[in-house]
């Protein structure tokens, strides 16, 4: 179950007067367009060795019923990363995402085109990487997960706080089963949504979201993904690797704050952070995502 669906179920089951909750549905005219700017920083710490990588991407989004098409306009480096170092990350093709009523991605309509673009990007950035078309099932699953993650992550993260129905300053908690894009069994998670504020004069609402994975189920899933990535492991080697991963310390927490434009239901500003710890490796990601007010093409007779 997706977080939005999970919180709706919790709200309907736990509120004495569900009608008192305020809904924030997404309302867009056909052909609506808007701009999304994503500032993304990744800080990785491997046993004390730190690395920081940052990018700023700007894209134009176009809405048609059930589909959001993302056209990347530019990409630049940040946090000391030069612009020319990240140009190879531009996929160079539009991404047509099928979406639900909250604009949560459900698939990639032009998946073959996006898959080819990601494969070409990998060749530019990692010339010695294997051809995804010729790898075994384990690496093929990892590649598919990479395609889904690259294509969906920004729209998915932005839409987490959209399409909800909440009461002011009332926290709704949920339990969910989270499926990694890279495969493995679902991971148990607990999360919450809170309508922090509602400004009637400005037609804005602020919604907080937080989620934490269950460490035990997450370790099992990561272990399955890790062993599946190596198609040439013997049974004993796979068993040893799987056991070692399941014994590593693990923690993953995410949180976001969404500023919702009530008339359209779009999150015009989103600030998120994600912290993952696996053994002696930690990874902290931060996003600041801004979206412009959607514009609708002028109608002609």
C-alpha atoms as a PDB file:
ATOM      1  CA  UNK A   1       0.000   0.000   0.000  1.00  0.00           C
ATOM      2  CA  UNK A   2       1.270   3.490  -0.854  1.00  0.00           C
ATOM      3  CA  UNK A   3       1.674   5.940   2.064  1.00  0.00           C
ATOM      4  CA  UNK A   4      -1.214   8.135   0.871  1.00  0.00           C
ATOM      5  CA  UNK A   5      -3.561   5.144   0.687  1.00  0.00           C
ATOM      6  CA  UNK A   6      -2.327   3.870   4.044  1.00  0.00           C
ATOM      7  CA  UNK A   7      -2.930   7.184   5.779  1.00  0.00           C
ATOM      8  CA  UNK A   8      -6.391   7.493   4.215  1.00  0.00           C
ATOM      9  CA  UNK A   9      -7.296   4.066   5.576  1.00  0.00           C
ATOM     10  CA  UNK A  10      -5.985   5.058   9.008  1.00  0.00           C
ATOM     11  CA  UNK A  11      -7.906   8.327   8.933  1.00  0.00           C
ATOM     12  CA  UNK A  12     -11.185   6.678   7.995  1.00  0.00           C
ATOM     13  CA  UNK A  13     -10.722   3.989  10.610  1.00  0.00           C
ATOM     14  CA  UNK A  14      -9.532   6.169  13.475  1.00  0.00           C
ATOM     15  CA  UNK A  15     -11.360   9.500  13.268  1.00  0.00           C
ATOM     16  CA  UNK A  16     -14.649   9.902  15.076  1.00  0.00           C
ATOM     17  CA  UNK A  17     -15.754  12.467  12.490  1.00  0.00           C
ATOM     18  CA  UNK A  18     -13.887  11.891   9.211  1.00  0.00           C
ATOM     19  CA  UNK A  19     -15.851  14.678   7.517  1.00  0.00           C
ATOM     20  CA  UNK A  20     -14.005  17.216   9.703  1.00  0.00           C
ATOM     21  CA  UNK A  21     -10.781  16.416   7.908  1.00  0.00           C
ATOM     22  CA  UNK A  22      -9.827  18.761   5.065  1.00  0.00           C
ATOM     23  CA  UNK A  23      -8.967  17.308   1.685  1.00  0.00           C
ATOM     24  CA  UNK A  24      -6.251  18.617  -0.614  1.00  0.00           C
ATOM     25  CA  UNK A  25      -6.952  16.974  -3.984  1.00  0.00           C
ATOM     26  CA  UNK A  26      -4.812  17.687  -7.030  1.00  0.00           C
ATOM     27  CA  UNK A  27      -6.770  19.766  -9.568  1.00  0.00           C
ATOM     28  CA  UNK A  28      -5.065  20.412 -12.902  1.00  0.00           C
ATOM     29  CA  UNK A  29      -6.406  21.441 -16.289  1.00  0.00           C
ATOM     30  CA  UNK A  30      -5.506  19.271 -19.261  1.00  0.00           C
ATOM     31  CA  UNK A  31      -2.245  20.478 -20.776  1.00  0.00           C
ATOM     32  CA  UNK A  32      -1.138  22.269 -17.601  1.00  0.00           C
ATOM     33  CA  UNK A  33       2.613  22.903 -17.432  1.00  0.00           C
ATOM     34  CA  UNK A  34       4.897  23.910 -14.600  1.00  0.00           C
ATOM     35  CA  UNK A  35       8.586  23.969 -13.702  1.00  0.00           C
ATOM     36  CA  UNK A  36      10.283  21.842 -11.067  1.00  0.00           C
ATOM     37  CA  UNK A  37      13.717  22.708  -9.652  1.00  0.00           C
ATOM     38  CA  UNK A  38      15.475  20.097  -7.524  1.00  0.00           C
ATOM     39  CA  UNK A  39      18.509  20.833  -5.348  1.00  0.00           C
ATOM     40  CA  UNK A  40      19.905  17.446  -4.300  1.00  0.00           C
ATOM     41  CA  UNK A  41      22.892  16.741  -2.072  1.00  0.00           C
ATOM     42  CA  UNK A  42      24.297  13.314  -1.187  1.00  0.00           C
ATOM     43  CA  UNK A  43      26.813  12.959   1.647  1.00  0.00           C
ATOM     44  CA  UNK A  44      28.397   9.512   1.958  1.00  0.00           C
ATOM     45  CA  UNK A  45      30.633   8.436   4.817  1.00  0.00           C
ATOM     46  CA  UNK A  46      32.534   5.169   4.327  1.00  0.00           C
ATOM     47  CA  UNK A  47      34.403   4.366   7.541  1.00  0.00           C
ATOM     48  CA  UNK A  48      35.358   8.011   8.005  1.00  0.00           C
ATOM     49  CA  UNK A  49      35.988   8.872   4.339  1.00  0.00           C
ATOM     50  CA  UNK A  50      33.439  11.517   3.367  1.00  0.00           C
ATOM     51  CA  UNK A  51      32.220  12.425  -0.096  1.00  0.00           C
ATOM     52  CA  UNK A  52      29.666  15.122  -0.997  1.00  0.00           C
ATOM     53  CA  UNK A  53      27.997  15.331  -4.400  1.00  0.00           C
ATOM     54  CA  UNK A  54      25.367  17.897  -5.322  1.00  0.00           C
ATOM     55  CA  UNK A  55      23.255  18.733  -8.365  1.00  0.00           C
ATOM     56  CA  UNK A  56      20.560  21.213  -9.320  1.00  0.00           C
ATOM     57  CA  UNK A  57      18.155  20.115 -12.039  1.00  0.00           C
ATOM     58  CA  UNK A  58      15.364  22.076 -13.680  1.00  0.00           C
ATOM     59  CA  UNK A  59      12.563  20.356 -15.587  1.00  0.00           C
ATOM     60  CA  UNK A  60       9.307  21.250 -17.261  1.00  0.00           C
ATOM     61  CA  UNK A  61       6.341  19.042 -16.361  1.00  0.00           C
ATOM     62  CA  UNK A  62       3.269  18.592 -18.546  1.00  0.00           C
ATOM     63  CA  UNK A  63      -0.012  17.083 -17.342  1.00  0.00           C
ATOM     64  CA  UNK A  64      -2.471  15.028 -19.301  1.00  0.00           C
ATOM     65  CA  UNK A  65      -5.038  12.795 -17.588  1.00  0.00           C
ATOM     66  CA  UNK A  66      -3.128   9.993 -15.888  1.00  0.00           C
ATOM     67  CA  UNK A  67       0.306  11.027 -17.205  1.00  0.00           C
ATOM     68  CA  UNK A  68       2.973  13.537 -16.171  1.00  0.00           C
ATOM     69  CA  UNK A  69       5.724  14.058 -18.761  1.00  0.00           C
ATOM     70  CA  UNK A  70       9.050  15.346 -17.434  1.00  0.00           C
ATOM     71  CA  UNK A  71      11.342  17.290 -19.792  1.00  0.00           C
ATOM     72  CA  UNK A  72      14.711  17.990 -18.178  1.00  0.00           C
ATOM     73  CA  UNK A  73      15.835  21.501 -19.128  1.00  0.00           C
ATOM     74  CA  UNK A  74      19.185  21.762 -17.351  1.00  0.00           C
ATOM     75  CA  UNK A  75      21.500  20.176 -14.805  1.00  0.00           C
ATOM     76  CA  UNK A  76      24.281  21.882 -12.867  1.00  0.00           C
ATOM     77  CA  UNK A  77      26.721  20.956 -10.125  1.00  0.00           C
ATOM     78  CA  UNK A  78      26.540  22.276  -6.580  1.00  0.00           C
ATOM     79  CA  UNK A  79      28.418  21.847  -3.276  1.00  0.00           C
ATOM     80  CA  UNK A  80      31.717  22.222  -5.130  1.00  0.00           C
ATOM     81  CA  UNK A  81      30.818  19.923  -8.015  1.00  0.00           C
ATOM     82  CA  UNK A  82      31.602  21.644 -11.375  1.00  0.00           C
ATOM     83  CA  UNK A  83      28.819  21.923 -13.936  1.00  0.00           C
ATOM     84  CA  UNK A  84      30.689  20.007 -16.633  1.00  0.00           C
ATOM     85  CA  UNK A  85      31.102  17.032 -14.279  1.00  0.00           C
ATOM     86  CA  UNK A  86      27.351  16.362 -14.194  1.00  0.00           C
ATOM     87  CA  UNK A  87      26.301  17.024 -17.797  1.00  0.00           C
ATOM     88  CA  UNK A  88      26.659  13.335 -18.616  1.00  0.00           C
ATOM     89  CA  UNK A  89      23.819  12.608 -16.164  1.00  0.00           C
ATOM     90  CA  UNK A  90      21.252  14.277 -18.422  1.00  0.00           C
ATOM     91  CA  UNK A  91      19.199  11.475 -19.970  1.00  0.00           C
ATOM     92  CA  UNK A  92      18.223  13.645 -22.936  1.00  0.00           C
ATOM     93  CA  UNK A  93      14.753  12.115 -23.379  1.00  0.00           C
ATOM     94  CA  UNK A  94      11.341  12.983 -21.943  1.00  0.00           C
ATOM     95  CA  UNK A  95      10.070  10.723 -19.160  1.00  0.00           C
ATOM     96  CA  UNK A  96       6.376   9.867 -19.425  1.00  0.00           C
ATOM     97  CA  UNK A  97       5.153   8.795 -15.991  1.00  0.00           C
ATOM     98  CA  UNK A  98       1.775   7.197 -15.443  1.00  0.00           C
ATOM     99  CA  UNK A  99       0.431   8.570 -12.160  1.00  0.00           C
ATOM    100  CA  UNK A 100      -2.448   8.218  -9.727  1.00  0.00           C
ATOM    101  CA  UNK A 101      -4.786  10.984  -8.566  1.00  0.00           C
ATOM    102  CA  UNK A 102      -2.097  12.447  -6.241  1.00  0.00           C
ATOM    103  CA  UNK A 103       0.517  12.334  -9.067  1.00  0.00           C
ATOM    104  CA  UNK A 104       2.331   9.422  -7.403  1.00  0.00           C
ATOM    105  CA  UNK A 105       4.114   7.539 -10.234  1.00  0.00           C
ATOM    106  CA  UNK A 106       2.783   4.082 -11.057  1.00  0.00           C
ATOM    107  CA  UNK A 107       4.882   3.302 -14.139  1.00  0.00           C
ATOM    108  CA  UNK A 108       6.864   4.617 -17.112  1.00  0.00           C
ATOM    109  CA  UNK A 109       4.838   4.815 -20.323  1.00  0.00           C
ATOM    110  CA  UNK A 110       7.937   5.112 -22.563  1.00  0.00           C
ATOM    111  CA  UNK A 111       9.967   2.636 -20.523  1.00  0.00           C
ATOM    112  CA  UNK A 112      11.988   1.266 -23.460  1.00  0.00           C
ATOM    113  CA  UNK A 113      13.148   4.762 -24.470  1.00  0.00           C
ATOM    114  CA  UNK A 114      14.076   5.675 -20.885  1.00  0.00           C
ATOM    115  CA  UNK A 115      15.847   2.346 -20.376  1.00  0.00           C
ATOM    116  CA  UNK A 116      18.003   2.957 -23.463  1.00  0.00           C
ATOM    117  CA  UNK A 117      18.792   6.488 -22.260  1.00  0.00           C
ATOM    118  CA  UNK A 118      19.895   5.222 -18.828  1.00  0.00           C
ATOM    119  CA  UNK A 119      22.095   2.569 -20.481  1.00  0.00           C
ATOM    120  CA  UNK A 120      23.717   5.273 -22.620  1.00  0.00           C
ATOM    121  CA  UNK A 121      24.219   7.458 -19.531  1.00  0.00           C
ATOM    122  CA  UNK A 122      25.973   4.590 -17.754  1.00  0.00           C
ATOM    123  CA  UNK A 123      28.335   4.182 -20.716  1.00  0.00           C
ATOM    124  CA  UNK A 124      29.194   7.883 -20.533  1.00  0.00           C
ATOM    125  CA  UNK A 125      29.788   7.900 -16.786  1.00  0.00           C
ATOM    126  CA  UNK A 126      31.179   4.341 -16.324  1.00  0.00           C
ATOM    127  CA  UNK A 127      32.700   3.186 -19.649  1.00  0.00           C
ATOM    128  CA  UNK A 128      33.601  -0.236 -18.233  1.00  0.00           C
ATOM    129  CA  UNK A 129      30.098  -1.029 -17.012  1.00  0.00           C
ATOM    130  CA  UNK A 130      28.503  -4.097 -18.654  1.00  0.00           C
ATOM    131  CA  UNK A 131      25.798  -3.793 -21.277  1.00  0.00           C
ATOM    132  CA  UNK A 132      22.474  -4.163 -19.399  1.00  0.00           C
ATOM    133  CA  UNK A 133      21.114  -6.188 -22.313  1.00  0.00           C
ATOM    134  CA  UNK A 134      23.701  -8.935 -21.806  1.00  0.00           C
ATOM    135  CA  UNK A 135      23.869  -9.289 -17.999  1.00  0.00           C
ATOM    136  CA  UNK A 136      22.304 -12.043 -15.908  1.00  0.00           C
ATOM    137  CA  UNK A 137      18.965 -11.748 -14.079  1.00  0.00           C
ATOM    138  CA  UNK A 138      20.498 -10.347 -10.884  1.00  0.00           C
ATOM    139  CA  UNK A 139      22.226  -7.384 -12.520  1.00  0.00           C
ATOM    140  CA  UNK A 140      19.233  -6.934 -14.840  1.00  0.00           C
ATOM    141  CA  UNK A 141      17.008  -6.439 -11.780  1.00  0.00           C
ATOM    142  CA  UNK A 142      19.447  -3.872 -10.385  1.00  0.00           C
ATOM    143  CA  UNK A 143      19.426  -2.015 -13.719  1.00  0.00           C
ATOM    144  CA  UNK A 144      15.618  -1.977 -13.837  1.00  0.00           C
ATOM    145  CA  UNK A 145      15.598  -0.578 -10.308  1.00  0.00           C
ATOM    146  CA  UNK A 146      18.020   2.134 -11.376  1.00  0.00           C
ATOM    147  CA  UNK A 147      15.774   3.072 -14.308  1.00  0.00           C
ATOM    148  CA  UNK A 148      12.701   3.300 -12.067  1.00  0.00           C
ATOM    149  CA  UNK A 149      14.554   5.313  -9.417  1.00  0.00           C
ATOM    150  CA  UNK A 150      16.054   7.819 -11.841  1.00  0.00           C
ATOM    151  CA  UNK A 151      12.774   8.280 -13.676  1.00  0.00           C
ATOM    152  CA  UNK A 152      10.378   8.513 -10.746  1.00  0.00           C
ATOM    153  CA  UNK A 153      12.203   9.746  -7.644  1.00  0.00           C
ATOM    154  CA  UNK A 154      11.628  13.518  -7.873  1.00  0.00           C
ATOM    155  CA  UNK A 155       7.947  13.333  -8.827  1.00  0.00           C
ATOM    156  CA  UNK A 156       7.405  10.550  -6.283  1.00  0.00           C
ATOM    157  CA  UNK A 157       9.002  12.513  -3.446  1.00  0.00           C
ATOM    158  CA  UNK A 158       7.168  15.722  -4.372  1.00  0.00           C
ATOM    159  CA  UNK A 159       3.776  14.027  -4.495  1.00  0.00           C
ATOM    160  CA  UNK A 160       4.026  12.280  -1.106  1.00  0.00           C
ATOM    161  CA  UNK A 161       2.163  15.140   0.585  1.00  0.00           C
ATOM    162  CA  UNK A 162      -0.416  15.609  -2.191  1.00  0.00           C
ATOM    163  CA  UNK A 163      -3.973  14.320  -2.399  1.00  0.00           C
ATOM    164  CA  UNK A 164      -4.376  13.803   1.354  1.00  0.00           C
ATOM    165  CA  UNK A 165      -7.254  14.422   3.757  1.00  0.00           C
ATOM    166  CA  UNK A 166      -6.116  15.523   7.225  1.00  0.00           C
ATOM    167  CA  UNK A 167      -7.230  17.371  10.348  1.00  0.00           C
ATOM    168  CA  UNK A 168      -5.213  20.361  11.534  1.00  0.00           C
ATOM    169  CA  UNK A 169      -2.388  19.357  13.901  1.00  0.00           C
ATOM    170  CA  UNK A 170      -3.697  15.790  14.030  1.00  0.00           C
ATOM    171  CA  UNK A 171      -0.996  13.195  13.304  1.00  0.00           C
ATOM    172  CA  UNK A 172      -2.103  10.133  11.390  1.00  0.00           C
ATOM    173  CA  UNK A 173       0.167   7.099  11.668  1.00  0.00           C
ATOM    174  CA  UNK A 174       0.318   4.126   9.346  1.00  0.00           C
ATOM    175  CA  UNK A 175       2.085   0.829   8.857  1.00  0.00           C
ATOM    176  CA  UNK A 176       3.129  -0.066   5.344  1.00  0.00           C
ATOM    177  CA  UNK A 177       5.058  -2.599   3.276  1.00  0.00           C
ATOM    178  CA  UNK A 178       7.656  -0.765   1.169  1.00  0.00           C
ATOM    179  CA  UNK A 179       8.926  -2.382  -2.008  1.00  0.00           C
ATOM    180  CA  UNK A 180      12.413  -1.396  -3.146  1.00  0.00           C
ATOM    181  CA  UNK A 181      12.808  -0.524  -6.827  1.00  0.00           C
ATOM    182  CA  UNK A 182      15.764  -2.926  -6.840  1.00  0.00           C
ATOM    183  CA  UNK A 183      13.756  -5.987  -5.828  1.00  0.00           C
ATOM    184  CA  UNK A 184      13.902  -8.067  -2.671  1.00  0.00           C
ATOM    185  CA  UNK A 185      10.983  -8.783  -0.339  1.00  0.00           C
ATOM    186  CA  UNK A 186       8.873  -5.854   0.927  1.00  0.00           C
ATOM    187  CA  UNK A 187      10.190  -4.013   3.974  1.00  0.00           C
ATOM    188  CA  UNK A 188       7.956  -3.173   6.921  1.00  0.00           C
ATOM    189  CA  UNK A 189       7.708   0.551   7.650  1.00  0.00           C
ATOM    190  CA  UNK A 190       5.957   2.906  10.033  1.00  0.00           C
ATOM    191  CA  UNK A 191       5.158   6.471   9.089  1.00  0.00           C
ATOM    192  CA  UNK A 192       3.047   9.502   9.810  1.00  0.00           C
ATOM    193  CA  UNK A 193       1.431  12.546   8.214  1.00  0.00           C
ATOM    194  CA  UNK A 194       0.620  15.781  10.048  1.00  0.00           C
ATOM    195  CA  UNK A 195      -1.222  18.847   8.792  1.00  0.00           C
ATOM    196  CA  UNK A 196       1.017  21.394  10.533  1.00  0.00           C
ATOM    197  CA  UNK A 197      -0.710  24.576   9.393  1.00  0.00           C
ATOM    198  CA  UNK A 198      -3.450  25.894   7.122  1.00  0.00           C
ATOM    199  CA  UNK A 199      -3.282  29.515   5.930  1.00  0.00           C
ATOM    200  CA  UNK A 200      -6.657  30.434   4.456  1.00  0.00           C
ATOM    201  CA  UNK A 201      -5.510  33.887   3.341  1.00  0.00           C
ATOM    202  CA  UNK A 202      -2.577  32.524   1.334  1.00  0.00           C
ATOM    203  CA  UNK A 203      -4.360  29.287   0.313  1.00  0.00           C
ATOM    204  CA  UNK A 204      -1.425  27.265   1.624  1.00  0.00           C
ATOM    205  CA  UNK A 205      -1.163  24.158   3.808  1.00  0.00           C
ATOM    206  CA  UNK A 206       1.966  22.640   5.338  1.00  0.00           C
ATOM    207  CA  UNK A 207       2.105  18.848   5.680  1.00  0.00           C
ATOM    208  CA  UNK A 208       4.891  16.878   7.372  1.00  0.00           C
ATOM    209  CA  UNK A 209       5.683  13.254   6.506  1.00  0.00           C
ATOM    210  CA  UNK A 210       8.074  10.870   8.254  1.00  0.00           C
ATOM    211  CA  UNK A 211       8.858   7.184   7.766  1.00  0.00           C
ATOM    212  CA  UNK A 212      11.231   4.629   9.265  1.00  0.00           C
ATOM    213  CA  UNK A 213      11.946   1.137   7.972  1.00  0.00           C
ATOM    214  CA  UNK A 214      11.926  -1.886  10.244  1.00  0.00           C
ATOM    215  CA  UNK A 215      15.634  -2.814  10.516  1.00  0.00           C
ATOM    216  CA  UNK A 216      15.166  -6.595  10.470  1.00  0.00           C
ATOM    217  CA  UNK A 217      12.971  -6.761   7.371  1.00  0.00           C
ATOM    218  CA  UNK A 218      15.138  -4.122   5.669  1.00  0.00           C
ATOM    219  CA  UNK A 219      18.307  -6.135   6.270  1.00  0.00           C
ATOM    220  CA  UNK A 220      16.677  -9.230   4.782  1.00  0.00           C
ATOM    221  CA  UNK A 221      15.592  -7.305   1.703  1.00  0.00           C
ATOM    222  CA  UNK A 222      19.005  -5.649   1.233  1.00  0.00           C
ATOM    223  CA  UNK A 223      20.679  -9.054   1.666  1.00  0.00           C
ATOM    224  CA  UNK A 224      18.467 -10.570  -1.046  1.00  0.00           C
ATOM    225  CA  UNK A 225      19.255  -7.667  -3.383  1.00  0.00           C
ATOM    226  CA  UNK A 226      22.995  -7.917  -2.665  1.00  0.00           C
ATOM    227  CA  UNK A 227      23.216 -11.655  -3.303  1.00  0.00           C
ATOM    228  CA  UNK A 228      20.974 -11.406  -6.364  1.00  0.00           C
ATOM    229  CA  UNK A 229      23.294  -8.833  -7.914  1.00  0.00           C
ATOM    230  CA  UNK A 230      26.036 -11.453  -8.305  1.00  0.00           C
ATOM    231  CA  UNK A 231      24.888 -14.010 -10.851  1.00  0.00           C
ATOM    232  CA  UNK A 232      28.054 -16.109 -10.619  1.00  0.00           C
ATOM    233  CA  UNK A 233      28.067 -16.799  -6.868  1.00  0.00           C
ATOM    234  CA  UNK A 234      28.025 -20.393  -5.691  1.00  0.00           C
ATOM    235  CA  UNK A 235      25.321 -21.401  -3.224  1.00  0.00           C
ATOM    236  CA  UNK A 236      27.806 -21.315  -0.348  1.00  0.00           C
ATOM    237  CA  UNK A 237      29.132 -17.893  -1.366  1.00  0.00           C
ATOM    238  CA  UNK A 238      25.613 -16.503  -1.695  1.00  0.00           C
ATOM    239  CA  UNK A 239      24.675 -17.919   1.706  1.00  0.00           C
ATOM    240  CA  UNK A 240      27.765 -16.377   3.337  1.00  0.00           C
ATOM    241  CA  UNK A 241      27.137 -12.965   1.758  1.00  0.00           C
ATOM    242  CA  UNK A 242      23.470 -13.046   2.689  1.00  0.00           C
ATOM    243  CA  UNK A 243      24.254 -13.884   6.317  1.00  0.00           C
ATOM    244  CA  UNK A 244      26.909 -11.173   6.615  1.00  0.00           C
ATOM    245  CA  UNK A 245      24.528  -8.487   5.316  1.00  0.00           C
ATOM    246  CA  UNK A 246      21.699  -9.527   7.651  1.00  0.00           C
ATOM    247  CA  UNK A 247      24.047  -9.076  10.615  1.00  0.00           C
ATOM    248  CA  UNK A 248      25.022  -5.488   9.761  1.00  0.00           C
ATOM    249  CA  UNK A 249      23.604  -2.560  11.743  1.00  0.00           C
ATOM    250  CA  UNK A 250      20.855  -0.902   9.706  1.00  0.00           C
ATOM    251  CA  UNK A 251      18.721   2.199  10.035  1.00  0.00           C
ATOM    252  CA  UNK A 252      16.760   4.225   7.482  1.00  0.00           C
ATOM    253  CA  UNK A 253      14.684   7.319   8.263  1.00  0.00           C
ATOM    254  CA  UNK A 254      13.058   9.814   5.937  1.00  0.00           C
ATOM    255  CA  UNK A 255      11.138  13.017   6.483  1.00  0.00           C
ATOM    256  CA  UNK A 256       9.637  15.706   4.273  1.00  0.00           C
ATOM    257  CA  UNK A 257       7.779  18.975   4.657  1.00  0.00           C
ATOM    258  CA  UNK A 258       5.365  19.852   1.844  1.00  0.00           C
ATOM    259  CA  UNK A 259       3.921  23.326   1.266  1.00  0.00           C
ATOM    260  CA  UNK A 260       0.680  22.708  -0.619  1.00  0.00           C
ATOM    261  CA  UNK A 261      -1.018  25.202  -2.924  1.00  0.00           C
ATOM    262  CA  UNK A 262      -4.628  24.460  -1.983  1.00  0.00           C
ATOM    263  CA  UNK A 263      -6.378  25.489  -5.258  1.00  0.00           C
ATOM    264  CA  UNK A 264      -4.221  23.143  -7.370  1.00  0.00           C
ATOM    265  CA  UNK A 265      -3.156  20.628  -4.708  1.00  0.00           C
ATOM    266  CA  UNK A 266       0.473  20.832  -5.890  1.00  0.00           C
ATOM    267  CA  UNK A 267       3.370  20.906  -3.430  1.00  0.00           C
ATOM    268  CA  UNK A 268       5.083  24.146  -4.445  1.00  0.00           C
ATOM    269  CA  UNK A 269       7.950  23.662  -1.993  1.00  0.00           C
ATOM    270  CA  UNK A 270       9.275  20.409  -0.559  1.00  0.00           C
ATOM    271  CA  UNK A 271      12.194  19.894   1.825  1.00  0.00           C
ATOM    272  CA  UNK A 272      13.276  16.318   2.503  1.00  0.00           C
ATOM    273  CA  UNK A 273      16.056  14.369   4.148  1.00  0.00           C
ATOM    274  CA  UNK A 274      16.909  10.677   4.147  1.00  0.00           C
ATOM    275  CA  UNK A 275      19.474   8.931   6.353  1.00  0.00           C
ATOM    276  CA  UNK A 276      20.607   5.355   5.689  1.00  0.00           C
ATOM    277  CA  UNK A 277      23.142   3.509   7.845  1.00  0.00           C
ATOM    278  CA  UNK A 278      24.403   0.068   6.835  1.00  0.00           C
ATOM    279  CA  UNK A 279      27.403  -1.215   8.763  1.00  0.00           C
ATOM    280  CA  UNK A 280      30.108   1.449   8.716  1.00  0.00           C
ATOM    281  CA  UNK A 281      28.585   3.243   5.721  1.00  0.00           C
ATOM    282  CA  UNK A 282      26.171   6.144   6.132  1.00  0.00           C
ATOM    283  CA  UNK A 283      24.399   8.085   3.411  1.00  0.00           C
ATOM    284  CA  UNK A 284      22.534  11.336   4.008  1.00  0.00           C
ATOM    285  CA  UNK A 285      20.507  12.860   1.191  1.00  0.00           C
ATOM    286  CA  UNK A 286      18.807  16.249   1.223  1.00  0.00           C
ATOM    287  CA  UNK A 287      16.373  17.732  -1.277  1.00  0.00           C
ATOM    288  CA  UNK A 288      14.868  21.171  -1.743  1.00  0.00           C
ATOM    289  CA  UNK A 289      12.242  20.993  -4.468  1.00  0.00           C
ATOM    290  CA  UNK A 290      10.323  24.001  -5.756  1.00  0.00           C
ATOM    291  CA  UNK A 291       7.511  24.019  -8.300  1.00  0.00           C
ATOM    292  CA  UNK A 292       5.959  26.976 -10.085  1.00  0.00           C
ATOM    293  CA  UNK A 293       2.243  27.584 -10.313  1.00  0.00           C
ATOM    294  CA  UNK A 294       0.855  25.489 -13.192  1.00  0.00           C
ATOM    295  CA  UNK A 295      -0.035  27.307 -16.381  1.00  0.00           C
ATOM    296  CA  UNK A 296      -2.694  26.169 -18.829  1.00  0.00           C
ATOM    297  CA  UNK A 297      -2.302  26.836 -22.578  1.00  0.00           C
ATOM    298  CA  UNK A 298      -4.743  29.425 -23.902  1.00  0.00           C
ATOM    299  CA  UNK A 299      -7.750  27.816 -25.525  1.00  0.00           C
ATOM    300  CA  UNK A 300      -8.580  28.684 -29.138  1.00  0.00           C
ATOM    301  CA  UNK A 301     -11.914  28.331 -30.878  1.00  0.00           C
END
